[in-house]
Each structure stands twice: as structure tokens, then as C-alpha cells.
N, C-alpha and C. Protein backbone atom coordinates (compact mmCIF):
# COMPACT_ATOMS: atom_id res chain seq x y z
N UNK A 1 0.76 -1.23 0.00
CA UNK A 1 0.01 0.01 -0.14
C UNK A 1 0.91 1.33 -0.03
N UNK A 2 0.25 2.38 -0.11
CA UNK A 2 0.92 3.49 -0.15
C UNK A 2 1.36 4.00 1.41
N UNK A 3 2.64 4.33 1.39
CA UNK A 3 3.20 4.87 2.60
C UNK A 3 3.52 3.62 3.59
N UNK A 4 3.83 2.54 3.29
CA UNK A 4 4.23 1.53 4.26
C UNK A 4 5.27 1.81 5.00
N UNK A 5 5.33 1.95 6.29
CA UNK A 5 6.44 1.96 7.13
C UNK A 5 6.02 1.18 8.40
N UNK A 6 5.12 0.37 8.21
CA UNK A 6 4.48 -0.43 9.40
C UNK A 6 3.45 0.50 9.85
N UNK A 7 3.25 1.74 9.45
CA UNK A 7 2.10 2.50 10.03
C UNK A 7 1.45 3.31 9.03
N UNK A 8 1.79 3.06 7.76
CA UNK A 8 1.29 3.77 6.70
C UNK A 8 -0.21 3.75 6.41
N UNK A 9 -0.93 4.64 5.78
CA UNK A 9 -2.26 4.54 5.60
C UNK A 9 -2.74 3.86 4.31
N UNK A 10 -1.89 3.82 3.37
CA UNK A 10 -2.35 3.28 2.13
C UNK A 10 -3.40 4.13 1.52
N UNK A 11 -4.05 3.69 0.33
CA UNK A 11 -5.08 4.42 -0.35
C UNK A 11 -6.33 4.75 0.80
N UNK A 12 -6.64 5.99 1.00
CA UNK A 12 -7.47 6.41 1.94
C UNK A 12 -8.87 6.48 1.45
N UNK A 13 -9.71 5.80 2.16
CA UNK A 13 -11.15 6.01 1.81
C UNK A 13 -11.78 6.93 2.94
N UNK A 14 -12.40 7.81 2.33
CA UNK A 14 -12.95 8.99 3.31
C UNK A 14 -14.12 9.50 2.70
N UNK A 15 -14.56 10.67 3.06
CA UNK A 15 -15.70 11.34 2.28
C UNK A 15 -15.69 11.16 0.86
N UNK A 16 -14.67 11.14 0.12
CA UNK A 16 -14.59 10.94 -1.31
C UNK A 16 -14.46 9.56 -1.71
N UNK A 17 -14.41 8.69 -0.82
CA UNK A 17 -14.37 7.39 -1.25
C UNK A 17 -12.90 6.88 -1.55
N UNK A 18 -12.76 5.74 -2.13
CA UNK A 18 -11.42 5.14 -2.57
C UNK A 18 -11.00 5.94 -3.65
N UNK A 19 -9.75 6.60 -3.51
CA UNK A 19 -9.20 7.30 -4.63
C UNK A 19 -8.28 6.52 -5.52
N UNK A 20 -8.15 5.23 -5.51
CA UNK A 20 -7.58 4.36 -6.44
C UNK A 20 -6.09 4.47 -6.37
N UNK A 21 -5.54 4.06 -5.19
CA UNK A 21 -4.14 4.13 -5.05
C UNK A 21 -3.54 5.43 -4.57
N UNK A 22 -4.32 6.32 -4.18
CA UNK A 22 -3.91 7.62 -3.65
C UNK A 22 -3.91 7.75 -2.23
N UNK A 23 -2.69 8.05 -1.54
CA UNK A 23 -2.56 8.01 -0.12
C UNK A 23 -2.75 9.55 0.23
N UNK A 24 -3.30 9.71 1.40
CA UNK A 24 -3.37 11.06 1.96
C UNK A 24 -2.69 11.01 3.25
N UNK A 25 -1.78 12.27 3.55
CA UNK A 25 -1.17 12.41 4.75
C UNK A 25 -1.32 13.59 5.42
N UNK A 26 -2.18 13.69 6.34
CA UNK A 26 -2.43 14.95 7.09
C UNK A 26 -1.10 15.26 7.81
N UNK A 27 -0.95 16.71 8.03
CA UNK A 27 0.34 17.02 8.84
C UNK A 27 0.36 16.33 10.33
N UNK A 28 -0.85 15.95 10.78
CA UNK A 28 -0.79 15.35 12.31
C UNK A 28 -0.57 13.88 12.18
N UNK A 29 -0.39 13.48 10.98
CA UNK A 29 -0.10 11.99 10.64
C UNK A 29 1.36 11.60 10.97
N UNK A 30 1.72 10.51 11.81
CA UNK A 30 2.96 10.16 12.03
C UNK A 30 3.77 9.84 10.86
N UNK A 31 3.04 9.53 9.80
CA UNK A 31 3.85 9.23 8.53
C UNK A 31 4.19 10.56 7.65
N UNK A 32 3.67 11.57 7.93
CA UNK A 32 3.85 12.85 7.22
C UNK A 32 5.39 13.12 7.55
N UNK A 33 6.17 13.30 6.30
CA UNK A 33 7.57 13.57 6.43
C UNK A 33 7.98 14.54 7.56
N UNK A 34 8.81 14.21 8.43
CA UNK A 34 9.31 15.04 9.40
C UNK A 34 9.96 16.34 8.98
N UNK A 35 10.74 16.46 7.92
CA UNK A 35 11.56 17.65 7.45
C UNK A 35 10.44 18.62 7.20
N UNK A 36 9.25 18.13 6.48
CA UNK A 36 8.28 19.13 6.07
C UNK A 36 7.57 19.96 7.33
N UNK A 37 7.74 19.33 8.54
CA UNK A 37 7.18 20.07 9.65
C UNK A 37 7.94 21.41 10.10
N UNK A 38 9.35 21.33 9.60
CA UNK A 38 10.21 22.27 10.05
C UNK A 38 10.49 23.44 9.19
N UNK A 39 9.60 23.49 8.03
CA UNK A 39 9.79 24.68 7.30
C UNK A 39 8.65 25.52 7.44
N UNK A 40 8.82 26.84 7.11
CA UNK A 40 7.72 27.78 7.02
C UNK A 40 6.62 27.34 6.09
N UNK A 41 5.41 27.61 6.54
CA UNK A 41 4.18 27.30 5.79
C UNK A 41 4.11 25.83 5.19
N UNK A 42 4.31 24.94 6.09
CA UNK A 42 4.19 23.51 5.52
C UNK A 42 2.64 23.28 5.17
N UNK A 43 2.65 22.35 4.02
CA UNK A 43 1.14 22.20 3.61
C UNK A 43 0.44 21.47 4.79
N UNK A 44 -0.94 21.48 4.71
CA UNK A 44 -1.59 20.92 5.86
C UNK A 44 -1.72 19.48 5.56
N UNK A 45 -1.36 19.03 4.36
CA UNK A 45 -1.23 17.55 4.08
C UNK A 45 -0.64 17.48 2.74
N UNK A 46 -0.32 16.08 2.48
CA UNK A 46 0.41 15.81 1.19
C UNK A 46 -0.64 14.43 0.64
N UNK A 47 -0.83 14.65 -0.70
CA UNK A 47 -1.45 13.56 -1.45
C UNK A 47 -0.25 12.77 -2.11
N UNK A 48 -0.31 11.66 -2.02
CA UNK A 48 0.79 10.68 -2.49
C UNK A 48 0.27 9.70 -3.50
N UNK A 49 0.84 9.59 -4.69
CA UNK A 49 0.52 8.46 -5.62
C UNK A 49 1.73 7.52 -5.62
N UNK A 50 1.59 6.32 -5.49
CA UNK A 50 2.96 5.41 -5.35
C UNK A 50 3.10 5.10 -3.95
N UNK A 51 4.32 4.76 -3.59
CA UNK A 51 4.73 4.56 -2.37
C UNK A 51 5.61 5.43 -1.69
N UNK A 52 5.36 6.33 -0.73
CA UNK A 52 6.22 7.32 -0.03
C UNK A 52 7.37 6.54 0.57
N UNK A 53 8.59 6.90 0.15
CA UNK A 53 9.84 6.29 0.75
C UNK A 53 9.86 6.84 2.12
N UNK A 54 10.71 6.18 2.99
CA UNK A 54 10.79 6.71 4.46
C UNK A 54 11.87 7.97 4.32
N UNK A 55 11.38 8.95 3.82
CA UNK A 55 12.14 10.27 3.58
C UNK A 55 12.90 10.81 4.80
N UNK A 56 12.34 10.47 6.09
CA UNK A 56 13.15 10.92 7.20
C UNK A 56 14.19 10.14 7.45
N UNK A 57 14.41 8.96 6.91
CA UNK A 57 15.50 8.00 7.21
C UNK A 57 16.51 7.93 5.88
N UNK A 58 16.24 8.50 4.88
CA UNK A 58 17.06 8.50 3.70
C UNK A 58 17.64 9.99 3.29
N UNK A 59 18.52 10.00 2.51
CA UNK A 59 19.28 11.26 2.06
C UNK A 59 18.48 11.72 0.74
N UNK A 60 17.55 12.59 0.94
CA UNK A 60 16.77 12.95 -0.26
C UNK A 60 17.57 14.19 -0.74
N UNK A 61 17.75 14.23 -1.94
CA UNK A 61 18.44 15.43 -2.74
C UNK A 61 17.68 15.98 -3.89
N UNK A 62 17.29 17.28 -3.82
CA UNK A 62 16.51 17.70 -4.94
C UNK A 62 17.41 18.22 -5.91
N UNK A 63 17.06 17.73 -7.35
CA UNK A 63 17.82 18.26 -8.40
C UNK A 63 16.84 18.97 -9.39
N UNK A 64 17.27 20.19 -9.66
CA UNK A 64 16.45 21.16 -10.45
C UNK A 64 17.25 21.89 -11.37
N UNK A 65 16.59 22.49 -12.27
CA UNK A 65 17.32 23.33 -13.24
C UNK A 65 16.34 23.70 -14.49
N UNK A 66 16.88 24.37 -15.49
CA UNK A 66 16.06 24.91 -16.73
C UNK A 66 15.41 23.78 -17.40
N UNK A 67 14.27 24.20 -18.04
CA UNK A 67 13.68 23.30 -19.07
C UNK A 67 14.52 23.32 -20.25
N UNK A 68 15.11 24.42 -20.71
CA UNK A 68 15.93 24.34 -21.89
C UNK A 68 17.36 24.14 -21.77
N UNK A 69 17.65 22.98 -21.18
CA UNK A 69 19.00 22.54 -20.89
C UNK A 69 19.82 22.13 -22.08
N UNK A 70 21.19 22.48 -21.88
CA UNK A 70 22.07 22.14 -22.92
C UNK A 70 22.33 20.73 -22.92
N UNK A 71 22.81 20.20 -24.00
CA UNK A 71 23.26 18.70 -24.00
C UNK A 71 24.09 18.21 -22.74
N UNK A 72 25.16 19.17 -22.45
CA UNK A 72 25.96 18.87 -21.36
C UNK A 72 25.09 18.94 -20.02
N UNK A 73 24.27 19.92 -20.05
CA UNK A 73 23.37 20.05 -18.75
C UNK A 73 22.55 18.78 -18.48
N UNK A 74 22.01 18.31 -19.67
CA UNK A 74 21.18 17.02 -19.59
C UNK A 74 21.93 15.90 -19.22
N UNK A 75 23.24 15.63 -19.74
CA UNK A 75 24.06 14.58 -19.39
C UNK A 75 24.29 14.65 -17.99
N UNK A 76 24.80 15.83 -17.43
CA UNK A 76 25.18 15.98 -16.02
C UNK A 76 24.08 15.85 -15.03
N UNK A 77 22.73 16.26 -15.35
CA UNK A 77 21.70 16.00 -14.51
C UNK A 77 21.46 14.38 -14.42
N UNK A 78 21.42 13.71 -15.57
CA UNK A 78 21.22 12.20 -15.42
C UNK A 78 22.35 11.49 -14.56
N UNK A 79 23.60 12.04 -14.79
CA UNK A 79 24.79 11.54 -14.08
C UNK A 79 24.53 11.71 -12.59
N UNK A 80 24.19 12.99 -12.23
CA UNK A 80 24.10 13.34 -10.84
C UNK A 80 22.89 12.39 -10.15
N UNK A 81 21.79 12.29 -10.94
CA UNK A 81 20.63 11.49 -10.46
C UNK A 81 21.14 10.14 -10.23
N UNK A 82 21.85 9.58 -11.33
CA UNK A 82 22.35 8.26 -11.09
C UNK A 82 23.39 8.06 -9.96
N UNK A 83 24.17 9.00 -9.69
CA UNK A 83 25.12 8.84 -8.48
C UNK A 83 24.48 8.98 -7.38
N UNK A 84 23.43 9.83 -7.17
CA UNK A 84 22.68 10.06 -5.91
C UNK A 84 22.03 8.62 -5.59
N UNK A 85 21.36 8.10 -6.71
CA UNK A 85 20.71 6.90 -6.44
C UNK A 85 21.62 5.66 -6.05
N UNK A 86 22.93 5.63 -6.67
CA UNK A 86 23.81 4.63 -6.51
C UNK A 86 24.34 4.73 -5.07
N UNK A 87 24.37 5.98 -4.51
CA UNK A 87 24.85 6.24 -3.12
C UNK A 87 23.62 5.74 -2.05
N UNK A 88 22.56 5.51 -2.54
CA UNK A 88 21.39 5.09 -1.69
C UNK A 88 20.54 6.25 -1.47
N UNK A 89 20.57 7.37 -2.08
CA UNK A 89 19.77 8.47 -1.78
C UNK A 89 18.52 8.51 -2.78
N UNK A 90 17.72 9.54 -2.40
CA UNK A 90 16.41 9.61 -3.25
C UNK A 90 16.42 11.00 -3.93
N UNK A 91 16.43 10.86 -5.35
CA UNK A 91 16.27 11.90 -6.12
C UNK A 91 14.93 12.70 -6.07
N UNK A 92 14.67 13.86 -5.73
CA UNK A 92 13.51 14.56 -5.62
C UNK A 92 13.54 15.82 -6.74
N UNK A 93 12.48 15.86 -7.36
CA UNK A 93 12.31 16.91 -8.44
C UNK A 93 10.96 17.03 -9.00
N UNK A 94 10.75 18.00 -9.88
CA UNK A 94 9.50 18.11 -10.54
C UNK A 94 9.56 17.18 -11.81
N UNK A 95 8.53 17.44 -12.62
CA UNK A 95 8.33 16.57 -13.82
C UNK A 95 8.57 17.38 -14.96
N UNK A 96 9.23 18.72 -14.84
CA UNK A 96 9.48 19.60 -15.86
C UNK A 96 10.53 18.93 -16.96
N UNK A 97 10.27 19.26 -18.16
CA UNK A 97 11.35 18.91 -19.27
C UNK A 97 12.64 19.51 -18.86
N UNK A 98 13.69 18.86 -19.32
CA UNK A 98 15.00 19.33 -19.16
C UNK A 98 15.74 18.73 -17.86
N UNK A 99 16.26 19.43 -16.96
CA UNK A 99 17.03 19.05 -15.89
C UNK A 99 16.30 18.14 -14.95
N UNK A 100 14.87 18.48 -14.67
CA UNK A 100 14.14 17.71 -13.60
C UNK A 100 14.08 16.35 -14.21
N UNK A 101 13.48 16.31 -15.35
CA UNK A 101 13.19 14.86 -16.03
C UNK A 101 14.50 14.05 -16.10
N UNK A 102 15.61 14.66 -16.54
CA UNK A 102 16.86 13.97 -16.78
C UNK A 102 17.46 13.44 -15.54
N UNK A 103 17.26 14.21 -14.39
CA UNK A 103 17.76 13.69 -13.09
C UNK A 103 16.93 12.44 -12.50
N UNK A 104 15.73 12.62 -12.84
CA UNK A 104 14.78 11.48 -12.33
C UNK A 104 15.18 10.36 -13.22
N UNK A 105 15.29 10.43 -14.59
CA UNK A 105 15.55 9.41 -15.40
C UNK A 105 16.81 8.67 -14.99
N UNK A 106 17.82 9.43 -14.83
CA UNK A 106 19.11 8.86 -14.40
C UNK A 106 19.09 8.06 -13.11
N UNK A 107 18.23 8.63 -12.16
CA UNK A 107 18.03 7.78 -10.91
C UNK A 107 17.42 6.56 -11.09
N UNK A 108 16.25 6.47 -11.95
CA UNK A 108 15.50 5.41 -12.11
C UNK A 108 16.30 4.26 -12.91
N UNK A 109 17.04 4.89 -13.93
CA UNK A 109 17.98 3.87 -14.61
C UNK A 109 18.96 3.17 -13.76
N UNK A 110 19.30 3.86 -12.87
CA UNK A 110 20.31 3.25 -11.79
C UNK A 110 19.67 2.42 -10.70
N UNK A 111 18.31 2.26 -10.81
CA UNK A 111 17.72 1.31 -9.91
C UNK A 111 17.24 2.13 -8.51
N UNK A 112 17.36 3.50 -8.63
CA UNK A 112 17.15 4.15 -7.46
C UNK A 112 15.57 4.66 -7.18
N UNK A 113 15.41 5.38 -5.99
CA UNK A 113 14.03 5.93 -5.69
C UNK A 113 14.00 7.26 -6.19
N UNK A 114 12.83 7.63 -6.61
CA UNK A 114 12.57 9.05 -6.74
C UNK A 114 11.44 9.76 -6.33
N UNK A 115 11.21 11.01 -6.11
CA UNK A 115 10.03 11.64 -5.48
C UNK A 115 9.83 12.76 -6.43
N UNK A 116 8.58 12.69 -7.14
CA UNK A 116 8.18 13.88 -8.01
C UNK A 116 7.24 14.75 -7.28
N UNK A 117 7.53 16.05 -7.32
CA UNK A 117 6.61 16.92 -6.45
C UNK A 117 5.84 17.66 -7.62
N UNK A 118 4.57 17.82 -7.65
CA UNK A 118 3.81 18.41 -8.51
C UNK A 118 3.42 19.82 -8.11
N UNK A 119 3.30 20.62 -9.11
CA UNK A 119 2.61 21.91 -8.90
C UNK A 119 1.18 21.92 -9.29
N UNK A 120 0.76 20.81 -9.66
CA UNK A 120 -0.73 20.66 -10.12
C UNK A 120 -1.26 19.52 -9.23
N UNK A 121 -2.58 19.31 -9.29
CA UNK A 121 -3.31 18.27 -8.59
C UNK A 121 -2.59 17.04 -8.83
N UNK A 122 -2.81 15.96 -7.75
CA UNK A 122 -1.98 14.87 -7.78
C UNK A 122 -2.26 13.93 -8.88
N UNK A 123 -3.58 14.16 -9.49
CA UNK A 123 -3.97 13.25 -10.59
C UNK A 123 -3.75 13.88 -12.04
N UNK A 124 -3.12 15.08 -11.96
CA UNK A 124 -2.92 15.81 -13.24
C UNK A 124 -1.39 15.66 -13.70
N UNK A 125 -1.20 15.08 -14.90
CA UNK A 125 0.05 15.21 -15.50
C UNK A 125 0.51 16.47 -16.26
N UNK A 126 1.39 17.09 -15.81
CA UNK A 126 1.94 18.24 -16.50
C UNK A 126 3.38 18.26 -16.29
N UNK A 127 4.07 18.61 -17.56
CA UNK A 127 3.42 18.61 -18.95
C UNK A 127 3.07 17.13 -19.35
N UNK A 128 2.27 17.19 -20.20
CA UNK A 128 1.70 15.88 -20.94
C UNK A 128 2.77 15.08 -21.23
N UNK A 129 3.87 15.62 -21.81
CA UNK A 129 4.97 14.71 -22.27
C UNK A 129 5.59 14.09 -21.23
N UNK A 130 5.37 14.38 -20.04
CA UNK A 130 6.12 13.53 -18.87
C UNK A 130 5.26 12.40 -18.36
N UNK A 131 4.27 11.99 -19.30
CA UNK A 131 3.44 10.77 -18.94
C UNK A 131 4.21 9.63 -18.54
N UNK A 132 5.20 9.09 -19.45
CA UNK A 132 5.92 7.96 -19.09
C UNK A 132 6.59 7.96 -17.85
N UNK A 133 7.38 9.09 -17.66
CA UNK A 133 8.08 9.22 -16.35
C UNK A 133 7.03 9.30 -15.13
N UNK A 134 5.99 9.95 -15.34
CA UNK A 134 5.00 9.90 -14.32
C UNK A 134 4.50 8.66 -13.83
N UNK A 135 4.31 7.67 -14.99
CA UNK A 135 3.67 6.41 -14.69
C UNK A 135 4.80 5.58 -13.99
N UNK A 136 6.12 5.73 -14.40
CA UNK A 136 7.28 4.93 -13.84
C UNK A 136 7.42 5.46 -12.46
N UNK A 137 7.27 6.72 -12.14
CA UNK A 137 7.63 7.11 -10.88
C UNK A 137 6.49 6.69 -9.89
N UNK A 138 5.26 6.43 -10.40
CA UNK A 138 4.23 5.98 -9.54
C UNK A 138 4.37 4.68 -9.14
N UNK A 139 5.23 3.86 -9.89
CA UNK A 139 5.53 2.43 -9.65
C UNK A 139 6.61 2.14 -8.92
N UNK A 140 7.75 3.00 -9.20
CA UNK A 140 9.02 2.82 -8.38
C UNK A 140 9.34 3.83 -7.34
N UNK A 141 8.60 4.74 -7.27
CA UNK A 141 8.82 5.92 -6.33
C UNK A 141 7.42 6.42 -5.76
N UNK A 142 7.24 7.86 -5.63
CA UNK A 142 6.17 8.42 -5.14
C UNK A 142 5.98 9.79 -6.00
N UNK A 143 4.75 10.11 -6.21
CA UNK A 143 4.41 11.53 -6.69
C UNK A 143 3.65 12.24 -5.67
N UNK A 144 4.06 13.45 -5.32
CA UNK A 144 3.59 14.19 -4.17
C UNK A 144 2.86 15.44 -4.73
N UNK A 145 1.83 15.81 -4.06
CA UNK A 145 1.22 17.21 -4.41
C UNK A 145 0.60 17.68 -2.98
N UNK A 146 0.42 18.95 -2.71
CA UNK A 146 -0.33 19.45 -1.70
C UNK A 146 -1.81 19.70 -2.41
N UNK A 147 -2.05 19.61 -3.56
CA UNK A 147 -3.20 19.80 -4.16
C UNK A 147 -4.14 18.46 -4.32
N UNK A 148 -5.42 18.50 -3.99
CA UNK A 148 -6.29 17.38 -3.95
C UNK A 148 -6.55 17.07 -5.67
N UNK A 149 -7.03 15.86 -5.88
CA UNK A 149 -7.53 15.55 -7.19
C UNK A 149 -8.59 16.47 -7.70
N UNK A 150 -8.56 16.83 -9.08
CA UNK A 150 -9.42 17.54 -9.65
C UNK A 150 -9.41 19.05 -9.34
N UNK A 151 -8.45 19.43 -8.47
CA UNK A 151 -8.27 20.75 -8.17
C UNK A 151 -7.66 21.71 -9.40
N UNK A 152 -8.26 22.73 -9.66
CA UNK A 152 -7.92 23.69 -10.82
C UNK A 152 -6.58 24.25 -10.53
N UNK A 153 -5.47 24.08 -11.46
CA UNK A 153 -4.23 24.56 -11.26
C UNK A 153 -4.15 26.08 -11.52
N UNK A 154 -3.41 26.76 -10.59
CA UNK A 154 -3.14 28.02 -10.64
C UNK A 154 -1.67 28.56 -11.05
N UNK A 155 -1.48 29.57 -11.74
CA UNK A 155 0.07 29.74 -12.15
C UNK A 155 0.93 29.79 -10.89
N UNK A 156 0.61 30.23 -9.80
CA UNK A 156 1.46 30.36 -8.63
C UNK A 156 1.61 29.11 -7.93
N UNK A 157 0.93 28.07 -8.27
CA UNK A 157 1.06 26.81 -7.78
C UNK A 157 2.53 26.17 -7.77
N UNK A 158 3.10 26.53 -9.00
CA UNK A 158 4.46 25.90 -9.31
C UNK A 158 5.54 26.54 -8.35
N UNK A 159 5.43 27.99 -8.21
CA UNK A 159 6.27 28.49 -7.17
C UNK A 159 6.08 27.96 -5.76
N UNK A 160 4.91 27.88 -5.39
CA UNK A 160 4.68 27.22 -3.99
C UNK A 160 5.31 25.85 -3.85
N UNK A 161 5.15 24.96 -4.82
CA UNK A 161 5.52 23.63 -4.79
C UNK A 161 6.98 23.45 -4.36
N UNK A 162 7.83 24.67 -4.96
CA UNK A 162 9.39 24.61 -4.72
C UNK A 162 9.70 24.54 -3.28
N UNK A 163 9.02 25.10 -2.26
CA UNK A 163 9.26 24.95 -0.91
C UNK A 163 9.14 23.50 -0.53
N UNK A 164 8.33 22.82 -1.22
CA UNK A 164 8.20 21.29 -0.84
C UNK A 164 9.45 20.56 -1.30
N UNK A 165 9.95 20.79 -2.61
CA UNK A 165 11.08 20.23 -3.15
C UNK A 165 12.27 20.54 -2.23
N UNK A 166 12.53 21.64 -2.01
CA UNK A 166 13.45 21.81 -0.77
C UNK A 166 13.40 21.42 0.58
N UNK A 167 12.06 21.47 0.92
CA UNK A 167 11.68 20.95 2.33
C UNK A 167 11.86 19.40 2.55
N UNK A 168 11.63 18.63 1.49
CA UNK A 168 11.80 17.28 1.61
C UNK A 168 13.44 16.78 1.65
N UNK A 169 14.15 17.70 1.36
CA UNK A 169 15.54 17.30 0.87
C UNK A 169 16.56 17.90 1.92
N UNK A 170 17.72 17.18 1.91
CA UNK A 170 18.83 17.73 2.63
C UNK A 170 19.42 18.72 1.83
N UNK A 171 19.55 18.79 0.60
CA UNK A 171 20.08 19.77 -0.15
C UNK A 171 19.50 20.01 -1.53
N UNK A 172 19.83 20.95 -2.09
CA UNK A 172 19.34 21.23 -3.61
C UNK A 172 20.59 21.39 -4.43
N UNK A 173 20.57 20.67 -5.65
CA UNK A 173 21.44 20.81 -6.67
C UNK A 173 20.83 21.47 -7.91
N UNK A 174 21.43 22.68 -8.19
CA UNK A 174 20.87 23.44 -9.43
C UNK A 174 22.06 23.16 -10.62
N UNK A 175 21.54 22.56 -11.66
CA UNK A 175 22.42 22.15 -12.64
C UNK A 175 22.64 23.15 -13.55
N UNK A 176 21.67 23.68 -14.25
CA UNK A 176 21.53 24.84 -15.08
C UNK A 176 20.41 25.63 -14.80
N UNK A 177 20.53 26.99 -14.64
CA UNK A 177 19.35 27.79 -14.63
C UNK A 177 19.61 29.20 -14.98
N UNK A 178 18.64 29.92 -15.72
CA UNK A 178 18.83 31.32 -15.96
C UNK A 178 18.62 32.06 -14.68
N UNK A 179 19.05 33.41 -14.81
CA UNK A 179 18.95 34.25 -13.65
C UNK A 179 17.66 34.30 -13.10
N UNK A 180 16.54 34.40 -13.75
CA UNK A 180 15.28 34.44 -13.13
C UNK A 180 14.57 33.08 -13.52
N UNK A 181 14.51 32.32 -12.46
CA UNK A 181 13.99 30.77 -12.74
C UNK A 181 13.37 30.16 -11.39
N UNK A 182 12.55 29.33 -11.69
CA UNK A 182 11.96 28.60 -10.52
C UNK A 182 12.85 27.76 -9.76
N UNK A 183 14.10 27.37 -10.33
CA UNK A 183 15.16 26.67 -9.83
C UNK A 183 15.83 27.46 -8.84
N UNK A 184 16.05 28.80 -9.15
CA UNK A 184 16.52 29.74 -8.22
C UNK A 184 15.71 30.03 -7.01
N UNK A 185 14.34 30.05 -7.29
CA UNK A 185 13.47 30.17 -6.21
C UNK A 185 13.67 28.91 -5.19
N UNK A 186 13.69 27.71 -5.82
CA UNK A 186 13.88 26.61 -4.97
C UNK A 186 15.35 26.76 -4.22
N UNK A 187 16.22 27.10 -4.69
CA UNK A 187 17.53 27.39 -4.04
C UNK A 187 17.39 28.51 -2.87
N UNK A 188 16.55 29.51 -3.01
CA UNK A 188 16.27 30.38 -2.15
C UNK A 188 15.48 29.70 -0.94
N UNK A 189 14.50 28.99 -1.15
CA UNK A 189 13.80 28.38 -0.20
C UNK A 189 14.70 27.40 0.66
N UNK A 190 15.65 26.72 -0.12
CA UNK A 190 16.59 25.74 0.64
C UNK A 190 17.50 26.56 1.57
N UNK A 191 17.97 27.86 1.12
CA UNK A 191 18.80 28.57 2.11
C UNK A 191 17.90 29.04 3.31
N UNK A 192 16.62 29.45 3.17
CA UNK A 192 15.89 29.94 4.18
C UNK A 192 15.54 28.70 5.13
N UNK A 193 15.48 27.51 4.59
CA UNK A 193 15.13 26.28 5.37
C UNK A 193 16.39 25.63 5.99
N UNK A 194 17.65 26.45 5.77
CA UNK A 194 18.94 25.79 6.23
C UNK A 194 19.33 24.38 5.64
N UNK A 195 19.12 24.33 4.37
CA UNK A 195 19.62 23.17 3.54
C UNK A 195 20.78 23.58 2.78
N UNK A 196 21.60 22.69 2.18
CA UNK A 196 22.78 22.82 1.41
C UNK A 196 22.15 23.19 -0.07
N UNK A 197 22.82 23.93 -0.65
CA UNK A 197 22.66 24.39 -2.04
C UNK A 197 23.98 24.00 -2.86
N UNK A 198 23.97 23.36 -3.94
CA UNK A 198 25.07 23.02 -4.70
C UNK A 198 24.79 23.49 -6.25
């Protein structure tokens, strides 16, 4: 089930009924990731598709960067993702094209765990081109969002999700990013949260 740590909830049935493999973790829940409790404005709960790794016990590292990555940046993102996975860490990222996807793909090819954090509702694939990665992540990792199923996405949701990327992680690696980018917003959150930035 979802969130197995001996105490996980699995797919939750509540007022909305069975969500078909979707776990919900309210902040008061003992399975709710401990690092998330210690950052400003933690979400009231997390929706998780897949199996939430024991992020309190593992070295989670966020790998982020531009959607318009260079060939060198894409190779480095894949390599960094694979090396984090090979060392037993969890790669945390979004599903954006470019650096995010390359890092997650590198980790998955190395047999590692990944955590994908969405800026959309947990049942929405964005961008659509990320569907294969989304499906693989749901099987071999976890997809997280603070937004419930069928919730309409707002433009600011993506900036808000960046605090979750950094909050789940011990550090943030920025592979390539322009001067004004969401990746540098994530790095800023990491510094505010007393995380390492690389």
C-alpha cells in the first residue's frame, strides 16, 4: 500500500471514497515527512501516488534546473541523478522537461528511488510529455502534491511547490538555470530552510 512503514495509511477512503491508489497524509499523521514540519508554511497535508519512501531516514536530494537545458546539462543531470541513487539517496524533482526529468530518469535507470513533486493536482500530468516518467515514478517511487484530485491549477502553484522540493531534501543541486527561474526560487527556499545548495 501507499506509505508502508509499518504505520502507513495506504489508499485512503474517506468522504470522497477510495481514490484508487492515492494516499493522503495530513500533517498530524505520524507518516507525514518530518522535514516538512520544520519549514515555513508547511502544507496541511500531502497527497501521494505510489509508495512514499521513508524520507526521514534516507538522504533526499533535490535536483532542479532549466527546461531548456544544454546537452551537457542534460548529461550532467542524468549522471548526478544516477550517482545519488547509486549512493542510496532519493532524487527529488519536478516533472518539468530538461534538468528535472533528466535527473529523475538517471536515478530510475540506476535502480534508485525518486520523488516527484507536482505543482498541479496529484492526478494531473503536467506537462503531458512527462506521462511515461509519471507512470514509472508512480510504480517505483512516489508522486506528491499538496493539491487534491481535480483541483484547478493556478500559475502560482508551481512557485509554491518549490518549498516542498527543498523541504523534503537535505540539499538542492541546481544544474543549469537562468538568472530568473523557478530553480533559483527553490535554491532560495533551501537557504531559508537551512539546507545545502550546490
